[in-house]
């Protein structure tokens, strides 16, 4: 990384310009990745593909329904999808 000469850092505007030029490529890349991921998730929902989170909740609800066969599996599955399970 190339640091600016001390003569190029006379004002806060020159410092701000240098720091922006230093951070902008990384920030731009990260922002693009986040926007692309959000767009991809929205398109998956539009065409009916479930996300990884939905698959996790479905698997957890099926597991709980198998663990408690004495209760209604439909109620157990609905409850487990609606509640966050914390450690």
PDB file of N, CA and C in Angstrom:
ATOM      1  N   UNK A   1       0.851  -1.170   0.000  1.00  0.00           N
ATOM      2  CA  UNK A   1       0.000   0.000   0.000  1.00  0.00           C
ATOM      3  C   UNK A   1       0.893   1.229   0.000  1.00  0.00           C
ATOM      4  N   UNK A   2       0.512   2.182  -0.780  1.00  0.00           N
ATOM      5  CA  UNK A   2       1.310   3.395  -0.913  1.00  0.00           C
ATOM      6  C   UNK A   2       0.697   4.516  -0.071  1.00  0.00           C
ATOM      7  N   UNK A   3       1.489   5.031   0.834  1.00  0.00           N
ATOM      8  CA  UNK A   3       1.027   6.118   1.694  1.00  0.00           C
ATOM      9  C   UNK A   3       1.279   7.455   1.003  1.00  0.00           C
ATOM     10  N   UNK A   4       0.424   8.435   1.231  1.00  0.00           N
ATOM     11  CA  UNK A   4       0.641   9.737   0.605  1.00  0.00           C
ATOM     12  C   UNK A   4       1.788  10.490   1.280  1.00  0.00           C
ATOM     13  N   UNK A   5       2.357  11.397   0.534  1.00  0.00           N
ATOM     14  CA  UNK A   5       3.403  12.244   1.105  1.00  0.00           C
ATOM     15  C   UNK A   5       2.776  13.193   2.113  1.00  0.00           C
ATOM     16  N   UNK A   6       3.574  13.617   3.082  1.00  0.00           N
ATOM     17  CA  UNK A   6       3.043  14.505   4.115  1.00  0.00           C
ATOM     18  C   UNK A   6       2.568  15.830   3.525  1.00  0.00           C
ATOM     19  N   UNK A   7       3.116  16.231   2.390  1.00  0.00           N
ATOM     20  CA  UNK A   7       2.663  17.475   1.760  1.00  0.00           C
ATOM     21  C   UNK A   7       1.267  17.323   1.149  1.00  0.00           C
ATOM     22  N   UNK A   8       0.864  16.065   0.895  1.00  0.00           N
ATOM     23  CA  UNK A   8      -0.468  15.823   0.331  1.00  0.00           C
ATOM     24  C   UNK A   8      -1.543  15.725   1.400  1.00  0.00           C
ATOM     25  N   UNK A   9      -1.157  15.842   2.663  1.00  0.00           N
ATOM     26  CA  UNK A   9      -2.113  15.712   3.756  1.00  0.00           C
ATOM     27  C   UNK A   9      -2.229  17.008   4.549  1.00  0.00           C
ATOM     28  N   UNK A  10      -2.301  18.120   3.847  1.00  0.00           N
ATOM     29  CA  UNK A  10      -2.347  19.417   4.515  1.00  0.00           C
ATOM     30  C   UNK A  10      -3.718  19.734   5.101  1.00  0.00           C
ATOM     31  N   UNK A  11      -4.771  19.307   4.432  1.00  0.00           N
ATOM     32  CA  UNK A  11      -6.116  19.635   4.917  1.00  0.00           C
ATOM     33  C   UNK A  11      -6.890  18.348   5.201  1.00  0.00           C
ATOM     34  N   UNK A  12      -7.995  18.506   5.935  1.00  0.00           N
ATOM     35  CA  UNK A  12      -8.811  17.334   6.224  1.00  0.00           C
ATOM     36  C   UNK A  12      -9.476  16.809   4.956  1.00  0.00           C
ATOM     37  N   UNK A  13      -9.654  17.647   3.965  1.00  0.00           N
ATOM     38  CA  UNK A  13     -10.265  17.193   2.716  1.00  0.00           C
ATOM     39  C   UNK A  13      -9.322  16.279   1.941  1.00  0.00           C
ATOM     40  N   UNK A  14      -8.023  16.588   1.971  1.00  0.00           N
ATOM     41  CA  UNK A  14      -7.049  15.727   1.306  1.00  0.00           C
ATOM     42  C   UNK A  14      -6.928  14.387   2.025  1.00  0.00           C
ATOM     43  N   UNK A  15      -6.971  14.423   3.358  1.00  0.00           N
ATOM     44  CA  UNK A  15      -6.935  13.174   4.134  1.00  0.00           C
ATOM     45  C   UNK A  15      -8.189  12.356   3.843  1.00  0.00           C
ATOM     46  N   UNK A  16      -9.335  13.007   3.832  1.00  0.00           N
ATOM     47  CA  UNK A  16     -10.588  12.310   3.537  1.00  0.00           C
ATOM     48  C   UNK A  16     -10.597  11.715   2.145  1.00  0.00           C
ATOM     49  N   UNK A  17     -10.057  12.448   1.187  1.00  0.00           N
ATOM     50  CA  UNK A  17      -9.984  11.936  -0.182  1.00  0.00           C
ATOM     51  C   UNK A  17      -9.093  10.704  -0.258  1.00  0.00           C
ATOM     52  N   UNK A  18      -7.954  10.725   0.427  1.00  0.00           N
ATOM     53  CA  UNK A  18      -7.053   9.571   0.401  1.00  0.00           C
ATOM     54  C   UNK A  18      -7.695   8.366   1.081  1.00  0.00           C
ATOM     55  N   UNK A  19      -8.323   8.578   2.241  1.00  0.00           N
ATOM     56  CA  UNK A  19      -8.930   7.444   2.943  1.00  0.00           C
ATOM     57  C   UNK A  19     -10.098   6.869   2.157  1.00  0.00           C
ATOM     58  N   UNK A  20     -10.864   7.728   1.491  1.00  0.00           N
ATOM     59  CA  UNK A  20     -11.970   7.221   0.676  1.00  0.00           C
ATOM     60  C   UNK A  20     -11.426   6.403  -0.488  1.00  0.00           C
ATOM     61  N   UNK A  21     -10.396   6.872  -1.151  1.00  0.00           N
ATOM     62  CA  UNK A  21      -9.819   6.124  -2.273  1.00  0.00           C
ATOM     63  C   UNK A  21      -9.195   4.814  -1.805  1.00  0.00           C
ATOM     64  N   UNK A  22      -8.746   4.759  -0.559  1.00  0.00           N
ATOM     65  CA  UNK A  22      -8.162   3.542  -0.021  1.00  0.00           C
ATOM     66  C   UNK A  22      -9.239   2.522   0.329  1.00  0.00           C
ATOM     67  N   UNK A  23     -10.373   2.973   0.882  1.00  0.00           N
ATOM     68  CA  UNK A  23     -11.417   2.052   1.353  1.00  0.00           C
ATOM     69  C   UNK A  23     -12.482   1.732   0.302  1.00  0.00           C
ATOM     70  N   UNK A  24     -12.639   2.566  -0.696  1.00  0.00           N
ATOM     71  CA  UNK A  24     -13.748   2.414  -1.632  1.00  0.00           C
ATOM     72  C   UNK A  24     -13.745   1.079  -2.363  1.00  0.00           C
ATOM     73  N   UNK A  25     -12.623   0.557  -2.838  1.00  0.00           N
ATOM     74  CA  UNK A  25     -12.694  -0.741  -3.524  1.00  0.00           C
ATOM     75  C   UNK A  25     -13.212  -1.866  -2.623  1.00  0.00           C
ATOM     76  N   UNK A  26     -12.743  -1.923  -1.388  1.00  0.00           N
ATOM     77  CA  UNK A  26     -13.212  -2.975  -0.480  1.00  0.00           C
ATOM     78  C   UNK A  26     -14.684  -2.783  -0.129  1.00  0.00           C
ATOM     79  N   UNK A  27     -15.070  -1.561   0.166  1.00  0.00           N
ATOM     80  CA  UNK A  27     -16.469  -1.292   0.522  1.00  0.00           C
ATOM     81  C   UNK A  27     -17.391  -1.559  -0.659  1.00  0.00           C
ATOM     82  N   UNK A  28     -16.933  -1.204  -1.851  1.00  0.00           N
ATOM     83  CA  UNK A  28     -17.737  -1.451  -3.045  1.00  0.00           C
ATOM     84  C   UNK A  28     -17.937  -2.932  -3.288  1.00  0.00           C
ATOM     85  N   UNK A  29     -16.892  -3.713  -3.107  1.00  0.00           N
ATOM     86  CA  UNK A  29     -16.990  -5.154  -3.305  1.00  0.00           C
ATOM     87  C   UNK A  29     -17.921  -5.788  -2.279  1.00  0.00           C
ATOM     88  N   UNK A  30     -17.768  -5.418  -1.025  1.00  0.00           N
ATOM     89  CA  UNK A  30     -18.630  -5.972   0.031  1.00  0.00           C
ATOM     90  C   UNK A  30     -20.084  -5.574  -0.199  1.00  0.00           C
ATOM     91  N   UNK A  31     -20.315  -4.329  -0.573  1.00  0.00           N
ATOM     92  CA  UNK A  31     -21.687  -3.874  -0.831  1.00  0.00           C
ATOM     93  C   UNK A  31     -22.299  -4.644  -1.988  1.00  0.00           C
ATOM     94  N   UNK A  32     -21.520  -4.862  -3.048  1.00  0.00           N
ATOM     95  CA  UNK A  32     -22.039  -5.607  -4.199  1.00  0.00           C
ATOM     96  C   UNK A  32     -22.392  -7.034  -3.807  1.00  0.00           C
ATOM     97  N   UNK A  33     -21.555  -7.673  -3.001  1.00  0.00           N
ATOM     98  CA  UNK A  33     -21.829  -9.052  -2.576  1.00  0.00           C
ATOM     99  C   UNK A  33     -23.113  -9.115  -1.753  1.00  0.00           C
ATOM    100  N   UNK A  34     -23.301  -8.159  -0.836  1.00  0.00           N
ATOM    101  CA  UNK A  34     -24.519  -8.148  -0.017  1.00  0.00           C
ATOM    102  C   UNK A  34     -25.767  -7.911  -0.861  1.00  0.00           C
ATOM    103  N   UNK A  35     -25.689  -6.977  -1.795  1.00  0.00           N
ATOM    104  CA  UNK A  35     -26.839  -6.699  -2.661  1.00  0.00           C
ATOM    105  C   UNK A  35     -27.143  -7.901  -3.540  1.00  0.00           C
ATOM    106  N   UNK A  36     -26.119  -8.551  -4.077  1.00  0.00           N
ATOM    107  CA  UNK A  36     -26.328  -9.731  -4.912  1.00  0.00           C
ATOM    108  C   UNK A  36     -26.960 -10.868  -4.108  1.00  0.00           C
ATOM    109  N   UNK A  37     -26.524 -11.047  -2.851  1.00  0.00           N
ATOM    110  CA  UNK A  37     -27.107 -12.100  -2.008  1.00  0.00           C
ATOM    111  C   UNK A  37     -28.575 -11.810  -1.701  1.00  0.00           C
ATOM    112  N   UNK A  38     -28.903 -10.555  -1.437  1.00  0.00           N
ATOM    113  CA  UNK A  38     -30.294 -10.191  -1.178  1.00  0.00           C
ATOM    114  C   UNK A  38     -31.152 -10.413  -2.416  1.00  0.00           C
ATOM    115  N   UNK A  39     -30.622 -10.058  -3.576  1.00  0.00           N
ATOM    116  CA  UNK A  39     -31.356 -10.254  -4.826  1.00  0.00           C
ATOM    117  C   UNK A  39     -31.567 -11.743  -5.090  1.00  0.00           C
ATOM    118  N   UNK A  40     -30.526 -12.541  -4.844  1.00  0.00           N
ATOM    119  CA  UNK A  40     -30.629 -13.979  -5.071  1.00  0.00           C
ATOM    120  C   UNK A  40     -31.680 -14.601  -4.147  1.00  0.00           C
ATOM    121  N   UNK A  41     -31.715 -14.177  -2.885  1.00  0.00           N
ATOM    122  CA  UNK A  41     -32.713 -14.718  -1.956  1.00  0.00           C
ATOM    123  C   UNK A  41     -34.124 -14.322  -2.397  1.00  0.00           C
ATOM    124  N   UNK A  42     -34.297 -13.089  -2.837  1.00  0.00           N
ATOM    125  CA  UNK A  42     -35.619 -12.643  -3.289  1.00  0.00           C
ATOM    126  C   UNK A  42     -36.074 -13.430  -4.517  1.00  0.00           C
ATOM    127  N   UNK A  43     -35.154 -13.691  -5.434  1.00  0.00           N
ATOM    128  CA  UNK A  43     -35.518 -14.460  -6.623  1.00  0.00           C
ATOM    129  C   UNK A  43     -35.822 -15.916  -6.282  1.00  0.00           C
ATOM    130  N   UNK A  44     -35.109 -16.460  -5.307  1.00  0.00           N
ATOM    131  CA  UNK A  44     -35.420 -17.822  -4.860  1.00  0.00           C
ATOM    132  C   UNK A  44     -36.829 -17.890  -4.286  1.00  0.00           C
ATOM    133  N   UNK A  45     -37.213 -16.881  -3.526  1.00  0.00           N
ATOM    134  CA  UNK A  45     -38.558 -16.849  -2.964  1.00  0.00           C
ATOM    135  C   UNK A  45     -39.601 -16.675  -4.068  1.00  0.00           C
ATOM    136  N   UNK A  46     -39.287 -15.888  -5.088  1.00  0.00           N
ATOM    137  CA  UNK A  46     -40.228 -15.666  -6.192  1.00  0.00           C
ATOM    138  C   UNK A  46     -40.528 -16.942  -6.960  1.00  0.00           C
ATOM    139  N   UNK A  47     -39.533 -17.804  -7.132  1.00  0.00           N
ATOM    140  CA  UNK A  47     -39.763 -19.022  -7.915  1.00  0.00           C
ATOM    141  C   UNK A  47     -40.078 -20.230  -7.042  1.00  0.00           C
ATOM    142  N   UNK A  48     -40.134 -20.016  -5.718  1.00  0.00           N
ATOM    143  CA  UNK A  48     -40.601 -21.068  -4.829  1.00  0.00           C
ATOM    144  C   UNK A  48     -39.535 -21.981  -4.265  1.00  0.00           C
ATOM    145  N   UNK A  49     -38.273 -21.602  -4.353  1.00  0.00           N
ATOM    146  CA  UNK A  49     -37.208 -22.406  -3.759  1.00  0.00           C
ATOM    147  C   UNK A  49     -37.033 -21.955  -2.312  1.00  0.00           C
ATOM    148  N   UNK A  50     -37.011 -22.908  -1.403  1.00  0.00           N
ATOM    149  CA  UNK A  50     -36.871 -22.525   0.002  1.00  0.00           C
ATOM    150  C   UNK A  50     -35.411 -22.232   0.329  1.00  0.00           C
ATOM    151  N   UNK A  51     -35.225 -21.321   1.255  1.00  0.00           N
ATOM    152  CA  UNK A  51     -33.873 -20.930   1.647  1.00  0.00           C
ATOM    153  C   UNK A  51     -33.297 -21.941   2.634  1.00  0.00           C
ATOM    154  N   UNK A  52     -32.031 -21.775   2.949  1.00  0.00           N
ATOM    155  CA  UNK A  52     -31.378 -22.670   3.911  1.00  0.00           C
ATOM    156  C   UNK A  52     -32.015 -22.549   5.285  1.00  0.00           C
ATOM    157  N   UNK A  53     -32.443 -21.354   5.646  1.00  0.00           N
ATOM    158  CA  UNK A  53     -33.095 -21.158   6.936  1.00  0.00           C
ATOM    159  C   UNK A  53     -34.411 -21.928   6.996  1.00  0.00           C
ATOM    160  N   UNK A  54     -35.186 -21.874   5.919  1.00  0.00           N
ATOM    161  CA  UNK A  54     -36.445 -22.623   5.878  1.00  0.00           C
ATOM    162  C   UNK A  54     -36.195 -24.123   5.986  1.00  0.00           C
ATOM    163  N   UNK A  55     -35.157 -24.595   5.294  1.00  0.00           N
ATOM    164  CA  UNK A  55     -34.838 -26.023   5.365  1.00  0.00           C
ATOM    165  C   UNK A  55     -34.447 -26.413   6.788  1.00  0.00           C
ATOM    166  N   UNK A  56     -33.699 -25.543   7.463  1.00  0.00           N
ATOM    167  CA  UNK A  56     -33.308 -25.809   8.850  1.00  0.00           C
ATOM    168  C   UNK A  56     -34.531 -25.901   9.747  1.00  0.00           C
ATOM    169  N   UNK A  57     -35.455 -24.937   9.616  1.00  0.00           N
ATOM    170  CA  UNK A  57     -36.656 -24.945  10.458  1.00  0.00           C
ATOM    171  C   UNK A  57     -37.516 -26.174  10.172  1.00  0.00           C
ATOM    172  N   UNK A  58     -37.622 -26.569   8.913  1.00  0.00           N
ATOM    173  CA  UNK A  58     -38.401 -27.765   8.579  1.00  0.00           C
ATOM    174  C   UNK A  58     -37.778 -29.013   9.176  1.00  0.00           C
ATOM    175  N   UNK A  59     -36.464 -29.121   9.081  1.00  0.00           N
ATOM    176  CA  UNK A  59     -35.779 -30.293   9.635  1.00  0.00           C
ATOM    177  C   UNK A  59     -35.921 -30.334  11.156  1.00  0.00           C
ATOM    178  N   UNK A  60     -35.802 -29.175  11.785  1.00  0.00           N
ATOM    179  CA  UNK A  60     -35.942 -29.117  13.244  1.00  0.00           C
ATOM    180  C   UNK A  60     -37.362 -29.495  13.666  1.00  0.00           C
ATOM    181  N   UNK A  61     -38.357 -29.014  12.925  1.00  0.00           N
ATOM    182  CA  UNK A  61     -39.740 -29.328  13.303  1.00  0.00           C
ATOM    183  C   UNK A  61     -40.032 -30.813  13.122  1.00  0.00           C
ATOM    184  N   UNK A  62     -39.493 -31.423  12.069  1.00  0.00           N
ATOM    185  CA  UNK A  62     -39.691 -32.861  11.884  1.00  0.00           C
ATOM    186  C   UNK A  62     -39.000 -33.657  12.993  1.00  0.00           C
ATOM    187  N   UNK A  63     -37.818 -33.217  13.399  1.00  0.00           N
ATOM    188  CA  UNK A  63     -37.094 -33.883  14.484  1.00  0.00           C
ATOM    189  C   UNK A  63     -37.892 -33.814  15.786  1.00  0.00           C
ATOM    190  N   UNK A  64     -38.416 -32.647  16.115  1.00  0.00           N
ATOM    191  CA  UNK A  64     -39.186 -32.509  17.351  1.00  0.00           C
ATOM    192  C   UNK A  64     -40.461 -33.332  17.316  1.00  0.00           C
ATOM    193  N   UNK A  65     -41.100 -33.403  16.147  1.00  0.00           N
ATOM    194  CA  UNK A  65     -42.318 -34.206  16.038  1.00  0.00           C
ATOM    195  C   UNK A  65     -42.010 -35.681  16.282  1.00  0.00           C
ATOM    196  N   UNK A  66     -40.829 -36.142  15.833  1.00  0.00           N
ATOM    197  CA  UNK A  66     -40.438 -37.539  16.082  1.00  0.00           C
ATOM    198  C   UNK A  66     -40.077 -37.761  17.546  1.00  0.00           C
ATOM    199  N   UNK A  67     -39.541 -36.755  18.212  1.00  0.00           N
ATOM    200  CA  UNK A  67     -39.146 -36.888  19.610  1.00  0.00           C
ATOM    201  C   UNK A  67     -40.347 -36.943  20.553  1.00  0.00           C
ATOM    202  N   UNK A  68     -41.461 -36.337  20.150  1.00  0.00           N
ATOM    203  CA  UNK A  68     -42.656 -36.297  20.992  1.00  0.00           C
ATOM    204  C   UNK A  68     -43.863 -36.861  20.240  1.00  0.00           C
ATOM    205  N   UNK A  69     -43.879 -38.182  20.019  1.00  0.00           N
ATOM    206  CA  UNK A  69     -44.982 -38.779  19.244  1.00  0.00           C
ATOM    207  C   UNK A  69     -46.318 -38.774  19.991  1.00  0.00           C
ATOM    208  N   UNK A  70     -46.281 -38.575  21.303  1.00  0.00           N
ATOM    209  CA  UNK A  70     -47.530 -38.581  22.063  1.00  0.00           C
ATOM    210  C   UNK A  70     -48.368 -37.322  21.815  1.00  0.00           C
ATOM    211  N   UNK A  71     -47.741 -36.275  21.227  1.00  0.00           N
ATOM    212  CA  UNK A  71     -48.465 -35.037  20.940  1.00  0.00           C
ATOM    213  C   UNK A  71     -48.764 -34.954  19.447  1.00  0.00           C
ATOM    214  N   UNK A  72     -49.675 -34.070  19.112  1.00  0.00           N
ATOM    215  CA  UNK A  72     -50.024 -33.881  17.703  1.00  0.00           C
ATOM    216  C   UNK A  72     -48.815 -33.343  16.932  1.00  0.00           C
ATOM    217  N   UNK A  73     -48.411 -34.084  15.908  1.00  0.00           N
ATOM    218  CA  UNK A  73     -47.219 -33.673  15.147  1.00  0.00           C
ATOM    219  C   UNK A  73     -47.436 -32.338  14.429  1.00  0.00           C
ATOM    220  N   UNK A  74     -48.650 -32.075  14.017  1.00  0.00           N
ATOM    221  CA  UNK A  74     -48.929 -30.813  13.328  1.00  0.00           C
ATOM    222  C   UNK A  74     -48.710 -29.620  14.259  1.00  0.00           C
ATOM    223  N   UNK A  75     -49.184 -29.739  15.494  1.00  0.00           N
ATOM    224  CA  UNK A  75     -49.017 -28.645  16.460  1.00  0.00           C
ATOM    225  C   UNK A  75     -47.545 -28.484  16.841  1.00  0.00           C
ATOM    226  N   UNK A  76     -46.850 -29.585  17.064  1.00  0.00           N
ATOM    227  CA  UNK A  76     -45.422 -29.518  17.401  1.00  0.00           C
ATOM    228  C   UNK A  76     -44.639 -28.852  16.269  1.00  0.00           C
ATOM    229  N   UNK A  77     -44.926 -29.222  15.036  1.00  0.00           N
ATOM    230  CA  UNK A  77     -44.196 -28.660  13.893  1.00  0.00           C
ATOM    231  C   UNK A  77     -44.474 -27.167  13.736  1.00  0.00           C
ATOM    232  N   UNK A  78     -45.735 -26.778  13.905  1.00  0.00           N
ATOM    233  CA  UNK A  78     -46.058 -25.352  13.801  1.00  0.00           C
ATOM    234  C   UNK A  78     -45.400 -24.554  14.918  1.00  0.00           C
ATOM    235  N   UNK A  79     -45.406 -25.109  16.107  1.00  0.00           N
ATOM    236  CA  UNK A  79     -44.793 -24.417  17.238  1.00  0.00           C
ATOM    237  C   UNK A  79     -43.283 -24.273  17.045  1.00  0.00           C
ATOM    238  N   UNK A  80     -42.635 -25.335  16.598  1.00  0.00           N
ATOM    239  CA  UNK A  80     -41.181 -25.274  16.462  1.00  0.00           C
ATOM    240  C   UNK A  80     -40.751 -24.311  15.344  1.00  0.00           C
ATOM    241  N   UNK A  81     -41.588 -24.119  14.336  1.00  0.00           N
ATOM    242  CA  UNK A  81     -41.275 -23.155  13.277  1.00  0.00           C
ATOM    243  C   UNK A  81     -41.454 -21.716  13.759  1.00  0.00           C
ATOM    244  N   UNK A  82     -42.298 -21.511  14.771  1.00  0.00           N
ATOM    245  CA  UNK A  82     -42.594 -20.147  15.209  1.00  0.00           C
ATOM    246  C   UNK A  82     -41.707 -19.670  16.356  1.00  0.00           C
ATOM    247  N   UNK A  83     -41.002 -20.589  17.027  1.00  0.00           N
ATOM    248  CA  UNK A  83     -40.218 -20.230  18.208  1.00  0.00           C
ATOM    249  C   UNK A  83     -38.740 -20.312  17.880  1.00  0.00           C
ATOM    250  N   UNK A  84     -38.000 -19.305  18.335  1.00  0.00           N
ATOM    251  CA  UNK A  84     -36.541 -19.356  18.204  1.00  0.00           C
ATOM    252  C   UNK A  84     -35.996 -20.216  19.326  1.00  0.00           C
ATOM    253  N   UNK A  85     -35.169 -21.170  18.983  1.00  0.00           N
ATOM    254  CA  UNK A  85     -34.577 -22.040  19.988  1.00  0.00           C
ATOM    255  C   UNK A  85     -33.180 -21.528  20.306  1.00  0.00           C
ATOM    256  N   UNK A  86     -33.004 -21.145  21.549  1.00  0.00           N
ATOM    257  CA  UNK A  86     -31.710 -20.628  22.003  1.00  0.00           C
ATOM    258  C   UNK A  86     -31.105 -21.604  22.984  1.00  0.00           C
ATOM    259  N   UNK A  87     -29.794 -21.594  23.059  1.00  0.00           N
ATOM    260  CA  UNK A  87     -29.104 -22.462  24.017  1.00  0.00           C
ATOM    261  C   UNK A  87     -29.296 -21.987  25.429  1.00  0.00           C
TER     262      UNK A  87
END
